[in-house]
Amino acid sequence: MAVRQQHHSHKMDRHAATSEYWHPVLGIGAAVLVIAGMLGSALYLAIINHEALAAAVFRGTGIATVAGAFLQRKKPEEPPPPPPQQQNQRKKKK
């Protein structure tokens, strides 16, 4: 029973470490795809003589980029734990 629990615990730790790396990578990849799609749409609209719509989509791309930058901010790191206190049992004699 304990061996199974330990195996499960190790498996969950590996999963947490892997997803800690891949979640930001997937988020950045999705953001790049969205921005590329918006730029492509703006270019296509400009080519077919819908300049006003192309400008609106292009401005939306800028807004999405700025919003993405705010969302991508890393959460503040936790402060390091305080050093362990040494318990000195000896009392200084005067």
PDB file of N, CA and C in Angstrom:
ATOM      1  N   MET A   1       0.824  -1.193   0.000  1.00  0.00           N
ATOM      2  CA  MET A   1       0.000   0.000   0.000  1.00  0.00           C
ATOM      3  C   MET A   1       0.866   1.254   0.000  1.00  0.00           C
ATOM      4  N   ALA A   2       1.869   1.303   0.867  1.00  0.00           N
ATOM      5  CA  ALA A   2       2.738   2.476   0.958  1.00  0.00           C
ATOM      6  C   ALA A   2       3.548   2.652  -0.315  1.00  0.00           C
ATOM      7  N   VAL A   3       3.919   1.540  -0.956  1.00  0.00           N
ATOM      8  CA  VAL A   3       4.691   1.618  -2.201  1.00  0.00           C
ATOM      9  C   VAL A   3       3.831   2.245  -3.287  1.00  0.00           C
ATOM     10  N   ARG A   4       2.562   1.849  -3.359  1.00  0.00           N
ATOM     11  CA  ARG A   4       1.652   2.440  -4.350  1.00  0.00           C
ATOM     12  C   ARG A   4       1.459   3.931  -4.098  1.00  0.00           C
ATOM     13  N   GLN A   5       1.315   4.321  -2.853  1.00  0.00           N
ATOM     14  CA  GLN A   5       1.135   5.735  -2.527  1.00  0.00           C
ATOM     15  C   GLN A   5       2.386   6.533  -2.877  1.00  0.00           C
ATOM     16  N   GLN A   6       3.546   5.970  -2.607  1.00  0.00           N
ATOM     17  CA  GLN A   6       4.791   6.658  -2.938  1.00  0.00           C
ATOM     18  C   GLN A   6       4.935   6.785  -4.449  1.00  0.00           C
ATOM     19  N   HIS A   7       4.605   5.724  -5.185  1.00  0.00           N
ATOM     20  CA  HIS A   7       4.663   5.771  -6.644  1.00  0.00           C
ATOM     21  C   HIS A   7       3.715   6.852  -7.178  1.00  0.00           C
ATOM     22  N   HIS A   8       2.514   6.905  -6.621  1.00  0.00           N
ATOM     23  CA  HIS A   8       1.537   7.921  -7.040  1.00  0.00           C
ATOM     24  C   HIS A   8       2.055   9.328  -6.720  1.00  0.00           C
ATOM     25  N   SER A   9       2.646   9.491  -5.551  1.00  0.00           N
ATOM     26  CA  SER A   9       3.173  10.794  -5.154  1.00  0.00           C
ATOM     27  C   SER A   9       4.285  11.239  -6.105  1.00  0.00           C
ATOM     28  N   HIS A  10       5.186  10.326  -6.456  1.00  0.00           N
ATOM     29  CA  HIS A  10       6.260  10.665  -7.392  1.00  0.00           C
ATOM     30  C   HIS A  10       5.692  11.007  -8.768  1.00  0.00           C
ATOM     31  N   LYS A  11       4.696  10.260  -9.186  1.00  0.00           N
ATOM     32  CA  LYS A  11       4.071  10.514 -10.484  1.00  0.00           C
ATOM     33  C   LYS A  11       3.424  11.900 -10.507  1.00  0.00           C
ATOM     34  N   MET A  12       2.752  12.272  -9.441  1.00  0.00           N
ATOM     35  CA  MET A  12       2.111  13.592  -9.374  1.00  0.00           C
ATOM     36  C   MET A  12       3.158  14.704  -9.319  1.00  0.00           C
ATOM     37  N   ASP A  13       4.274  14.473  -8.628  1.00  0.00           N
ATOM     38  CA  ASP A  13       5.345  15.465  -8.592  1.00  0.00           C
ATOM     39  C   ASP A  13       5.934  15.679  -9.979  1.00  0.00           C
ATOM     40  N   ARG A  14       6.145  14.592 -10.720  1.00  0.00           N
ATOM     41  CA  ARG A  14       6.662  14.723 -12.089  1.00  0.00           C
ATOM     42  C   ARG A  14       5.672  15.472 -12.974  1.00  0.00           C
ATOM     43  N   HIS A  15       4.386  15.165 -12.820  1.00  0.00           N
ATOM     44  CA  HIS A  15       3.351  15.850 -13.607  1.00  0.00           C
ATOM     45  C   HIS A  15       3.334  17.348 -13.289  1.00  0.00           C
ATOM     46  N   ALA A  16       3.452  17.695 -12.021  1.00  0.00           N
ATOM     47  CA  ALA A  16       3.451  19.107 -11.629  1.00  0.00           C
ATOM     48  C   ALA A  16       4.666  19.828 -12.197  1.00  0.00           C
ATOM     49  N   ALA A  17       5.825  19.181 -12.161  1.00  0.00           N
ATOM     50  CA  ALA A  17       7.035  19.810 -12.689  1.00  0.00           C
ATOM     51  C   ALA A  17       6.939  19.977 -14.204  1.00  0.00           C
ATOM     52  N   THR A  18       6.384  18.996 -14.887  1.00  0.00           N
ATOM     53  CA  THR A  18       6.252  19.080 -16.345  1.00  0.00           C
ATOM     54  C   THR A  18       5.268  20.164 -16.736  1.00  0.00           C
ATOM     55  N   SER A  19       4.123  20.216 -16.079  1.00  0.00           N
ATOM     56  CA  SER A  19       3.124  21.223 -16.454  1.00  0.00           C
ATOM     57  C   SER A  19       3.552  22.619 -16.043  1.00  0.00           C
ATOM     58  N   GLU A  20       4.415  22.732 -15.031  1.00  0.00           N
ATOM     59  CA  GLU A  20       4.932  24.043 -14.654  1.00  0.00           C
ATOM     60  C   GLU A  20       5.757  24.637 -15.793  1.00  0.00           C
ATOM     61  N   TYR A  21       6.382  23.777 -16.598  1.00  0.00           N
ATOM     62  CA  TYR A  21       7.148  24.253 -17.747  1.00  0.00           C
ATOM     63  C   TYR A  21       6.246  24.486 -18.958  1.00  0.00           C
ATOM     64  N   TRP A  22       5.357  23.527 -19.253  1.00  0.00           N
ATOM     65  CA  TRP A  22       4.613  23.572 -20.510  1.00  0.00           C
ATOM     66  C   TRP A  22       3.445  24.540 -20.523  1.00  0.00           C
ATOM     67  N   HIS A  23       2.822  24.840 -19.416  1.00  0.00           N
ATOM     68  CA  HIS A  23       1.679  25.764 -19.435  1.00  0.00           C
ATOM     69  C   HIS A  23       2.058  27.150 -19.951  1.00  0.00           C
ATOM     70  N   PRO A  24       3.135  27.768 -19.477  1.00  0.00           N
ATOM     71  CA  PRO A  24       3.514  29.070 -20.042  1.00  0.00           C
ATOM     72  C   PRO A  24       3.898  28.985 -21.521  1.00  0.00           C
ATOM     73  N   VAL A  25       4.543  27.887 -21.910  1.00  0.00           N
ATOM     74  CA  VAL A  25       4.941  27.728 -23.314  1.00  0.00           C
ATOM     75  C   VAL A  25       3.702  27.643 -24.200  1.00  0.00           C
ATOM     76  N   LEU A  26       2.713  26.882 -23.781  1.00  0.00           N
ATOM     77  CA  LEU A  26       1.477  26.769 -24.555  1.00  0.00           C
ATOM     78  C   LEU A  26       0.729  28.100 -24.592  1.00  0.00           C
ATOM     79  N   GLY A  27       0.753  28.835 -23.501  1.00  0.00           N
ATOM     80  CA  GLY A  27       0.106  30.146 -23.473  1.00  0.00           C
ATOM     81  C   GLY A  27       0.760  31.122 -24.434  1.00  0.00           C
ATOM     82  N   ILE A  28       2.081  31.128 -24.473  1.00  0.00           N
ATOM     83  CA  ILE A  28       2.795  32.012 -25.385  1.00  0.00           C
ATOM     84  C   ILE A  28       2.522  31.594 -26.829  1.00  0.00           C
ATOM     85  N   GLY A  29       2.512  30.297 -27.084  1.00  0.00           N
ATOM     86  CA  GLY A  29       2.209  29.806 -28.438  1.00  0.00           C
ATOM     87  C   GLY A  29       0.808  30.206 -28.884  1.00  0.00           C
ATOM     88  N   ALA A  30      -0.159  30.105 -27.992  1.00  0.00           N
ATOM     89  CA  ALA A  30      -1.523  30.505 -28.328  1.00  0.00           C
ATOM     90  C   ALA A  30      -1.595  32.005 -28.599  1.00  0.00           C
ATOM     91  N   ALA A  31      -0.869  32.793 -27.813  1.00  0.00           N
ATOM     92  CA  ALA A  31      -0.865  34.242 -28.026  1.00  0.00           C
ATOM     93  C   ALA A  31      -0.262  34.588 -29.382  1.00  0.00           C
ATOM     94  N   VAL A  32       0.817  33.909 -29.744  1.00  0.00           N
ATOM     95  CA  VAL A  32       1.442  34.156 -31.047  1.00  0.00           C
ATOM     96  C   VAL A  32       0.479  33.812 -32.171  1.00  0.00           C
ATOM     97  N   LEU A  33      -0.237  32.688 -32.043  1.00  0.00           N
ATOM     98  CA  LEU A  33      -1.201  32.309 -33.081  1.00  0.00           C
ATOM     99  C   LEU A  33      -2.333  33.327 -33.205  1.00  0.00           C
ATOM    100  N   VAL A  34      -2.819  33.822 -32.086  1.00  0.00           N
ATOM    101  CA  VAL A  34      -3.907  34.808 -32.117  1.00  0.00           C
ATOM    102  C   VAL A  34      -3.437  36.102 -32.774  1.00  0.00           C
ATOM    103  N   ILE A  35      -2.266  36.583 -32.398  1.00  0.00           N
ATOM    104  CA  ILE A  35      -1.735  37.818 -32.972  1.00  0.00           C
ATOM    105  C   ILE A  35      -1.477  37.638 -34.457  1.00  0.00           C
ATOM    106  N   ALA A  36      -0.902  36.499 -34.858  1.00  0.00           N
ATOM    107  CA  ALA A  36      -0.654  36.242 -36.277  1.00  0.00           C
ATOM    108  C   ALA A  36      -1.964  36.186 -37.061  1.00  0.00           C
ATOM    109  N   GLY A  37      -2.988  35.577 -36.471  1.00  0.00           N
ATOM    110  CA  GLY A  37      -4.296  35.537 -37.133  1.00  0.00           C
ATOM    111  C   GLY A  37      -4.902  36.914 -37.298  1.00  0.00           C
ATOM    112  N   MET A  38      -4.763  37.744 -36.270  1.00  0.00           N
ATOM    113  CA  MET A  38      -5.308  39.099 -36.365  1.00  0.00           C
ATOM    114  C   MET A  38      -4.553  39.923 -37.407  1.00  0.00           C
ATOM    115  N   LEU A  39      -3.236  39.789 -37.444  1.00  0.00           N
ATOM    116  CA  LEU A  39      -2.458  40.511 -38.450  1.00  0.00           C
ATOM    117  C   LEU A  39      -2.785  40.015 -39.859  1.00  0.00           C
ATOM    118  N   GLY A  40      -2.931  38.707 -40.004  1.00  0.00           N
ATOM    119  CA  GLY A  40      -3.317  38.141 -41.305  1.00  0.00           C
ATOM    120  C   GLY A  40      -4.691  38.633 -41.739  1.00  0.00           C
ATOM    121  N   SER A  41      -5.616  38.695 -40.798  1.00  0.00           N
ATOM    122  CA  SER A  41      -6.955  39.201 -41.113  1.00  0.00           C
ATOM    123  C   SER A  41      -6.901  40.662 -41.542  1.00  0.00           C
ATOM    124  N   ALA A  42      -6.117  41.454 -40.836  1.00  0.00           N
ATOM    125  CA  ALA A  42      -5.989  42.871 -41.197  1.00  0.00           C
ATOM    126  C   ALA A  42      -5.376  43.018 -42.577  1.00  0.00           C
ATOM    127  N   LEU A  43      -4.384  42.218 -42.896  1.00  0.00           N
ATOM    128  CA  LEU A  43      -3.759  42.273 -44.218  1.00  0.00           C
ATOM    129  C   LEU A  43      -4.758  41.877 -45.300  1.00  0.00           C
ATOM    130  N   TYR A  44      -5.506  40.811 -45.059  1.00  0.00           N
ATOM    131  CA  TYR A  44      -6.505  40.374 -46.034  1.00  0.00           C
ATOM    132  C   TYR A  44      -7.572  41.445 -46.248  1.00  0.00           C
ATOM    133  N   LEU A  45      -8.045  42.041 -45.170  1.00  0.00           N
ATOM    134  CA  LEU A  45      -9.062  43.096 -45.302  1.00  0.00           C
ATOM    135  C   LEU A  45      -8.507  44.300 -46.053  1.00  0.00           C
ATOM    136  N   ALA A  46      -7.248  44.624 -45.852  1.00  0.00           N
ATOM    137  CA  ALA A  46      -6.649  45.746 -46.577  1.00  0.00           C
ATOM    138  C   ALA A  46      -6.527  45.421 -48.062  1.00  0.00           C
ATOM    139  N   ILE A  47      -6.221  44.174 -48.380  1.00  0.00           N
ATOM    140  CA  ILE A  47      -6.077  43.782 -49.790  1.00  0.00           C
ATOM    141  C   ILE A  47      -7.407  43.852 -50.516  1.00  0.00           C
ATOM    142  N   ILE A  48      -8.515  43.511 -49.848  1.00  0.00           N
ATOM    143  CA  ILE A  48      -9.817  43.527 -50.529  1.00  0.00           C
ATOM    144  C   ILE A  48     -10.550  44.855 -50.347  1.00  0.00           C
ATOM    145  N   ASN A  49      -9.771  45.913 -50.045  1.00  0.00           N
ATOM    146  CA  ASN A  49     -10.272  47.291 -49.984  1.00  0.00           C
ATOM    147  C   ASN A  49     -11.275  47.534 -48.854  1.00  0.00           C
ATOM    148  N   HIS A  50     -11.035  46.964 -47.727  1.00  0.00           N
ATOM    149  CA  HIS A  50     -11.800  47.269 -46.511  1.00  0.00           C
ATOM    150  C   HIS A  50     -10.828  47.875 -45.503  1.00  0.00           C
ATOM    151  N   GLU A  51     -10.323  49.062 -45.863  1.00  0.00           N
ATOM    152  CA  GLU A  51      -9.271  49.672 -45.050  1.00  0.00           C
ATOM    153  C   GLU A  51      -9.730  50.002 -43.636  1.00  0.00           C
ATOM    154  N   ALA A  52     -10.965  50.438 -43.496  1.00  0.00           N
ATOM    155  CA  ALA A  52     -11.463  50.799 -42.166  1.00  0.00           C
ATOM    156  C   ALA A  52     -11.487  49.577 -41.247  1.00  0.00           C
ATOM    157  N   LEU A  53     -11.970  48.453 -41.761  1.00  0.00           N
ATOM    158  CA  LEU A  53     -11.981  47.228 -40.958  1.00  0.00           C
ATOM    159  C   LEU A  53     -10.552  46.744 -40.679  1.00  0.00           C
ATOM    160  N   ALA A  54      -9.691  46.877 -41.684  1.00  0.00           N
ATOM    161  CA  ALA A  54      -8.302  46.462 -41.500  1.00  0.00           C
ATOM    162  C   ALA A  54      -7.639  47.283 -40.400  1.00  0.00           C
ATOM    163  N   ALA A  55      -7.914  48.578 -40.387  1.00  0.00           N
ATOM    164  CA  ALA A  55      -7.340  49.438 -39.349  1.00  0.00           C
ATOM    165  C   ALA A  55      -7.877  49.046 -37.970  1.00  0.00           C
ATOM    166  N   ALA A  56      -9.170  48.746 -37.905  1.00  0.00           N
ATOM    167  CA  ALA A  56      -9.765  48.352 -36.621  1.00  0.00           C
ATOM    168  C   ALA A  56      -9.149  47.040 -36.116  1.00  0.00           C
ATOM    169  N   VAL A  57      -8.967  46.079 -37.012  1.00  0.00           N
ATOM    170  CA  VAL A  57      -8.364  44.803 -36.606  1.00  0.00           C
ATOM    171  C   VAL A  57      -6.915  45.020 -36.198  1.00  0.00           C
ATOM    172  N   PHE A  58      -6.207  45.891 -36.930  1.00  0.00           N
ATOM    173  CA  PHE A  58      -4.816  46.154 -36.603  1.00  0.00           C
ATOM    174  C   PHE A  58      -4.693  46.830 -35.235  1.00  0.00           C
ATOM    175  N   ARG A  59      -5.604  47.756 -34.933  1.00  0.00           N
ATOM    176  CA  ARG A  59      -5.608  48.385 -33.598  1.00  0.00           C
ATOM    177  C   ARG A  59      -5.943  47.355 -32.531  1.00  0.00           C
ATOM    178  N   GLY A  60      -6.855  46.459 -32.854  1.00  0.00           N
ATOM    179  CA  GLY A  60      -7.200  45.389 -31.913  1.00  0.00           C
ATOM    180  C   GLY A  60      -6.018  44.487 -31.629  1.00  0.00           C
ATOM    181  N   THR A  61      -5.150  44.304 -32.635  1.00  0.00           N
ATOM    182  CA  THR A  61      -3.946  43.506 -32.438  1.00  0.00           C
ATOM    183  C   THR A  61      -3.044  44.171 -31.402  1.00  0.00           C
ATOM    184  N   GLY A  62      -2.910  45.470 -31.497  1.00  0.00           N
ATOM    185  CA  GLY A  62      -2.097  46.193 -30.514  1.00  0.00           C
ATOM    186  C   GLY A  62      -2.672  46.091 -29.120  1.00  0.00           C
ATOM    187  N   ILE A  63      -3.984  46.218 -29.021  1.00  0.00           N
ATOM    188  CA  ILE A  63      -4.637  46.114 -27.721  1.00  0.00           C
ATOM    189  C   ILE A  63      -4.464  44.703 -27.157  1.00  0.00           C
ATOM    190  N   ALA A  64      -4.605  43.692 -28.021  1.00  0.00           N
ATOM    191  CA  ALA A  64      -4.445  42.314 -27.560  1.00  0.00           C
ATOM    192  C   ALA A  64      -3.013  42.045 -27.108  1.00  0.00           C
ATOM    193  N   THR A  65      -2.056  42.667 -27.783  1.00  0.00           N
ATOM    194  CA  THR A  65      -0.658  42.484 -27.389  1.00  0.00           C
ATOM    195  C   THR A  65      -0.402  43.074 -26.009  1.00  0.00           C
ATOM    196  N   VAL A  66      -0.913  44.269 -25.786  1.00  0.00           N
ATOM    197  CA  VAL A  66      -0.720  44.914 -24.483  1.00  0.00           C
ATOM    198  C   VAL A  66      -1.439  44.129 -23.386  1.00  0.00           C
ATOM    199  N   ALA A  67      -2.661  43.698 -23.677  1.00  0.00           N
ATOM    200  CA  ALA A  67      -3.406  42.910 -22.681  1.00  0.00           C
ATOM    201  C   ALA A  67      -2.683  41.598 -22.388  1.00  0.00           C
ATOM    202  N   GLY A  68      -2.144  40.985 -23.430  1.00  0.00           N
ATOM    203  CA  GLY A  68      -1.399  39.743 -23.232  1.00  0.00           C
ATOM    204  C   GLY A  68      -0.166  39.944 -22.378  1.00  0.00           C
ATOM    205  N   ALA A  69       0.495  41.095 -22.560  1.00  0.00           N
ATOM    206  CA  ALA A  69       1.679  41.378 -21.746  1.00  0.00           C
ATOM    207  C   ALA A  69       1.305  41.505 -20.275  1.00  0.00           C
ATOM    208  N   PHE A  70       0.174  42.130 -19.991  1.00  0.00           N
ATOM    209  CA  PHE A  70      -0.260  42.241 -18.601  1.00  0.00           C
ATOM    210  C   PHE A  70      -0.645  40.883 -18.031  1.00  0.00           C
ATOM    211  N   LEU A  71      -1.268  40.045 -18.839  1.00  0.00           N
ATOM    212  CA  LEU A  71      -1.674  38.732 -18.357  1.00  0.00           C
ATOM    213  C   LEU A  71      -0.483  37.794 -18.190  1.00  0.00           C
ATOM    214  N   GLN A  72       0.577  38.041 -18.942  1.00  0.00           N
ATOM    215  CA  GLN A  72       1.741  37.168 -18.902  1.00  0.00           C
ATOM    216  C   GLN A  72       2.668  37.464 -17.725  1.00  0.00           C
ATOM    217  N   ARG A  73       2.405  38.566 -17.014  1.00  0.00           N
ATOM    218  CA  ARG A  73       3.270  38.902 -15.878  1.00  0.00           C
ATOM    219  C   ARG A  73       3.353  37.733 -14.926  1.00  0.00           C
ATOM    220  N   LYS A  74       4.536  37.532 -14.410  1.00  0.00           N
ATOM    221  CA  LYS A  74       4.703  36.440 -13.449  1.00  0.00           C
ATOM    222  C   LYS A  74       4.215  36.888 -12.084  1.00  0.00           C
ATOM    223  N   LYS A  75       3.665  35.950 -11.366  1.00  0.00           N
ATOM    224  CA  LYS A  75       3.242  36.279 -10.014  1.00  0.00           C
ATOM    225  C   LYS A  75       4.483  36.528  -9.173  1.00  0.00           C
ATOM    226  N   PRO A  76       4.376  37.352  -8.169  1.00  0.00           N
ATOM    227  CA  PRO A  76       5.564  37.644  -7.365  1.00  0.00           C
ATOM    228  C   PRO A  76       6.072  36.382  -6.686  1.00  0.00           C
ATOM    229  N   GLU A  77       7.372  36.286  -6.634  1.00  0.00           N
ATOM    230  CA  GLU A  77       7.968  35.114  -6.014  1.00  0.00           C
ATOM    231  C   GLU A  77       7.761  35.157  -4.509  1.00  0.00           C
ATOM    232  N   GLU A  78       7.653  33.976  -3.949  1.00  0.00           N
ATOM    233  CA  GLU A  78       7.493  33.892  -2.499  1.00  0.00           C
ATOM    234  C   GLU A  78       8.832  34.223  -1.850  1.00  0.00           C
ATOM    235  N   PRO A  79       8.795  34.941  -0.751  1.00  0.00           N
ATOM    236  CA  PRO A  79      10.068  35.234  -0.083  1.00  0.00           C
ATOM    237  C   PRO A  79      10.690  33.943   0.446  1.00  0.00           C
ATOM    238  N   PRO A  80      12.012  33.883   0.488  1.00  0.00           N
ATOM    239  CA  PRO A  80      12.641  32.658   0.998  1.00  0.00           C
ATOM    240  C   PRO A  80      12.298  32.461   2.471  1.00  0.00           C
ATOM    241  N   PRO A  81      12.228  31.225   2.880  1.00  0.00           N
ATOM    242  CA  PRO A  81      11.895  30.979   4.288  1.00  0.00           C
ATOM    243  C   PRO A  81      13.010  31.499   5.195  1.00  0.00           C
ATOM    244  N   PRO A  82      12.659  31.907   6.387  1.00  0.00           N
ATOM    245  CA  PRO A  82      13.693  32.414   7.307  1.00  0.00           C
ATOM    246  C   PRO A  82      14.656  31.292   7.673  1.00  0.00           C
ATOM    247  N   PRO A  83      15.889  31.638   7.939  1.00  0.00           N
ATOM    248  CA  PRO A  83      16.854  30.589   8.321  1.00  0.00           C
ATOM    249  C   PRO A  83      16.443  29.968   9.650  1.00  0.00           C
ATOM    250  N   PRO A  84      16.753  28.708   9.810  1.00  0.00           N
ATOM    251  CA  PRO A  84      16.380  28.057  11.077  1.00  0.00           C
ATOM    252  C   PRO A  84      17.143  28.685  12.239  1.00  0.00           C
ATOM    253  N   GLN A  85      16.432  28.831  13.315  1.00  0.00           N
ATOM    254  CA  GLN A  85      17.058  29.427  14.496  1.00  0.00           C
ATOM    255  C   GLN A  85      17.884  28.357  15.211  1.00  0.00           C
ATOM    256  N   GLN A  86      19.075  28.749  15.569  1.00  0.00           N
ATOM    257  CA  GLN A  86      19.920  27.827  16.312  1.00  0.00           C
ATOM    258  C   GLN A  86      19.568  27.940  17.782  1.00  0.00           C
ATOM    259  N   GLN A  87      19.279  26.828  18.346  1.00  0.00           N
ATOM    260  CA  GLN A  87      18.930  26.827  19.761  1.00  0.00           C
ATOM    261  C   GLN A  87      20.196  26.538  20.555  1.00  0.00           C
ATOM    262  N   ASN A  88      20.726  27.584  21.080  1.00  0.00           N
ATOM    263  CA  ASN A  88      21.951  27.466  21.867  1.00  0.00           C
ATOM    264  C   ASN A  88      21.553  27.262  23.331  1.00  0.00           C
ATOM    265  N   GLN A  89      21.788  26.066  23.803  1.00  0.00           N
ATOM    266  CA  GLN A  89      21.370  25.724  25.160  1.00  0.00           C
ATOM    267  C   GLN A  89      22.332  26.271  26.217  1.00  0.00           C
ATOM    268  N   ARG A  90      23.527  26.591  25.793  1.00  0.00           N
ATOM    269  CA  ARG A  90      24.497  27.108  26.764  1.00  0.00           C
ATOM    270  C   ARG A  90      24.194  28.559  27.091  1.00  0.00           C
ATOM    271  N   LYS A  91      24.253  28.874  28.307  1.00  0.00           N
ATOM    272  CA  LYS A  91      24.069  30.264  28.732  1.00  0.00           C
ATOM    273  C   LYS A  91      25.422  30.829  29.088  1.00  0.00           C
ATOM    274  N   LYS A  92      25.633  32.041  28.696  1.00  0.00           N
ATOM    275  CA  LYS A  92      26.914  32.671  29.001  1.00  0.00           C
ATOM    276  C   LYS A  92      26.968  33.017  30.484  1.00  0.00           C
ATOM    277  N   LYS A  93      28.103  32.705  31.062  1.00  0.00           N
ATOM    278  CA  LYS A  93      28.299  33.024  32.486  1.00  0.00           C
ATOM    279  C   LYS A  93      28.983  34.374  32.584  1.00  0.00           C
ATOM    280  N   LYS A  94      28.572  35.152  33.546  1.00  0.00           N
ATOM    281  CA  LYS A  94      29.145  36.481  33.755  1.00  0.00           C
ATOM    282  C   LYS A  94      30.204  36.425  34.797  1.00  0.00           C
TER     283      LYS A  94
END
